[in-house]
C-alpha atoms as a PDB file:
ATOM      1  CA  MET A   1     -15.342-117.361  86.265  1.00  0.00           C
ATOM      2  CA  GLU A   2     -17.582-118.224  83.373  1.00  0.00           C
ATOM      3  CA  LEU A   3     -19.823-114.993  81.153  1.00  0.00           C
ATOM      4  CA  GLN A   4     -22.803-116.671  81.849  1.00  0.00           C
ATOM      5  CA  THR A   5     -21.922-116.740  85.335  1.00  0.00           C
ATOM      6  CA  LEU A   6     -20.583-113.576  85.485  1.00  0.00           C
ATOM      7  CA  GLN A   7     -23.655-111.685  83.520  1.00  0.00           C
ATOM      8  CA  GLU A   8     -26.171-113.991  86.062  1.00  0.00           C
ATOM      9  CA  ALA A   9     -23.926-112.493  89.008  1.00  0.00           C
ATOM     10  CA  LEU A  10     -23.859-108.769  87.342  1.00  0.00           C
ATOM     11  CA  LYS A  11     -27.806-109.195  86.362  1.00  0.00           C
ATOM     12  CA  VAL A  12     -28.657-109.604  90.339  1.00  0.00           C
ATOM     13  CA  GLU A  13     -25.915-106.560  91.785  1.00  0.00           C
ATOM     14  CA  ILE A  14     -27.775-104.179  88.779  1.00  0.00           C
ATOM     15  CA  GLN A  15     -31.580-104.982  90.368  1.00  0.00           C
ATOM     16  CA  ILE A  16     -30.398-105.391  93.974  1.00  0.00           C
ATOM     17  CA  HIS A  17     -29.062-101.845  93.319  1.00  0.00           C
ATOM     18  CA  GLN A  18     -32.137-100.585  91.172  1.00  0.00           C
ATOM     19  CA  LYS A  19     -33.878-101.598  94.279  1.00  0.00           C
ATOM     20  CA  LEU A  20     -31.405 -99.595  96.520  1.00  0.00           C
ATOM     21  CA  VAL A  21     -31.664 -96.702  94.460  1.00  0.00           C
ATOM     22  CA  ALA A  22     -35.578 -96.969  95.048  1.00  0.00           C
ATOM     23  CA  GLN A  23     -35.220 -96.820  98.826  1.00  0.00           C
ATOM     24  CA  MET A  24     -32.757 -94.462  98.999  1.00  0.00           C
ATOM     25  CA  LYS A  25     -35.372 -92.080  96.695  1.00  0.00           C
ATOM     26  CA  GLN A  26     -37.630 -92.398  99.715  1.00  0.00           C
ATOM     27  CA  ASP A  27     -34.598 -91.959 102.451  1.00  0.00           C
ATOM     28  CA  PRO A  28     -31.554 -89.822 100.695  1.00  0.00           C
ATOM     29  CA  GLN A  29     -30.203 -89.205 104.043  1.00  0.00           C
ATOM     30  CA  ASN A  30     -29.867 -92.749 105.299  1.00  0.00           C
ATOM     31  CA  ALA A  31     -26.172 -93.082 105.708  1.00  0.00           C
ATOM     32  CA  ASP A  32     -26.617 -97.100 105.464  1.00  0.00           C
ATOM     33  CA  LEU A  33     -28.488 -96.885 102.160  1.00  0.00           C
ATOM     34  CA  LYS A  34     -25.460 -95.244 100.860  1.00  0.00           C
ATOM     35  CA  LYS A  35     -22.745 -97.418 102.532  1.00  0.00           C
ATOM     36  CA  GLN A  36     -24.468-100.382 100.564  1.00  0.00           C
ATOM     37  CA  LEU A  37     -25.257 -98.299  97.319  1.00  0.00           C
ATOM     38  CA  HIS A  38     -21.639 -97.850  97.166  1.00  0.00           C
ATOM     39  CA  GLU A  39     -20.400-101.254  98.200  1.00  0.00           C
ATOM     40  CA  LEU A  40     -22.739-103.002  95.604  1.00  0.00           C
ATOM     41  CA  GLN A  41     -21.252-100.209  93.062  1.00  0.00           C
ATOM     42  CA  ALA A  42     -17.848-101.069  93.956  1.00  0.00           C
ATOM     43  CA  LYS A  43     -19.042-104.675  93.534  1.00  0.00           C
ATOM     44  CA  ILE A  44     -20.824-104.346  89.875  1.00  0.00           C
ATOM     45  CA  THR A  45     -17.280-102.259  88.813  1.00  0.00           C
ATOM     46  CA  ALA A  46     -15.561-105.659  89.747  1.00  0.00           C
ATOM     47  CA  LEU A  47     -17.818-107.968  88.537  1.00  0.00           C
ATOM     48  CA  SER A  48     -17.603-106.258  85.063  1.00  0.00           C
ATOM     49  CA  GLU A  49     -13.907-105.984  85.045  1.00  0.00           C
ATOM     50  CA  LYS A  50     -14.213-109.410  85.370  1.00  0.00           C
ATOM     51  CA  GLN A  51     -16.334-109.693  82.297  1.00  0.00           C
ATOM     52  CA  ASP A  52     -13.915-107.256  80.048  1.00  0.00           C
ATOM     53  CA  PRO A  53     -10.718-106.939  81.551  1.00  0.00           C
ATOM     54  CA  THR A  54      -9.856-105.251  78.809  1.00  0.00           C
ATOM     55  CA  GLY A  55     -11.700-101.954  79.566  1.00  0.00           C
ATOM     56  CA  ASN A  56     -14.264-102.214  76.471  1.00  0.00           C
ATOM     57  CA  MET A  57     -17.449-101.586  76.311  1.00  0.00           C
ATOM     58  CA  CYS A  58     -19.359-103.752  78.946  1.00  0.00           C
ATOM     59  CA  TYR A  59     -17.951-102.400  81.651  1.00  0.00           C
ATOM     60  CA  ARG A  60     -18.356 -98.965  80.531  1.00  0.00           C
ATOM     61  CA  ILE A  61     -21.917 -99.699  80.282  1.00  0.00           C
ATOM     62  CA  CYS A  62     -23.114-100.995  83.339  1.00  0.00           C
ATOM     63  CA  HIS A  63     -20.748 -98.442  84.990  1.00  0.00           C
ATOM     64  CA  CYS A  64     -22.711 -95.863  83.469  1.00  0.00           C
ATOM     65  CA  LEU A  65     -25.861 -97.563  84.045  1.00  0.00           C
ATOM     66  CA  CYS A  66     -25.190 -97.475  88.351  1.00  0.00           C
ATOM     67  CA  LEU A  67     -24.291 -94.012  87.841  1.00  0.00           C
ATOM     68  CA  ARG A  68     -26.921 -92.614  86.086  1.00  0.00           C
ATOM     69  CA  LEU A  69     -29.635 -95.162  88.185  1.00  0.00           C
ATOM     70  CA  THR A  70     -28.041 -93.454  91.212  1.00  0.00           C
ATOM     71  CA  ALA A  71     -28.210 -89.456  89.443  1.00  0.00           C
ATOM     72  CA  VAL A  72     -32.267 -90.398  88.390  1.00  0.00           C
ATOM     73  CA  PHE A  73     -33.203 -91.961  92.162  1.00  0.00           C
ATOM     74  CA  THR A  74     -31.645 -89.585  94.377  1.00  0.00           C
ATOM     75  CA  ALA A  75     -31.860 -86.426  92.319  1.00  0.00           C
END
């Protein structure tokens, strides 16, 4: 996959992640939302690794962003 395509895909997945986190804030015990969020985090991680297979900064930033957004909105 081309870098620009990967970045666009990451952008879309992160936006979806933000919406899911907001929904979880309203319904923190919703098992389906938790499952969707976990699956989406795995997808974002996979896209990040494709973008930067050496494990450099881009992957780490995306992964940390997902974790922080989840922690902030589900706390």
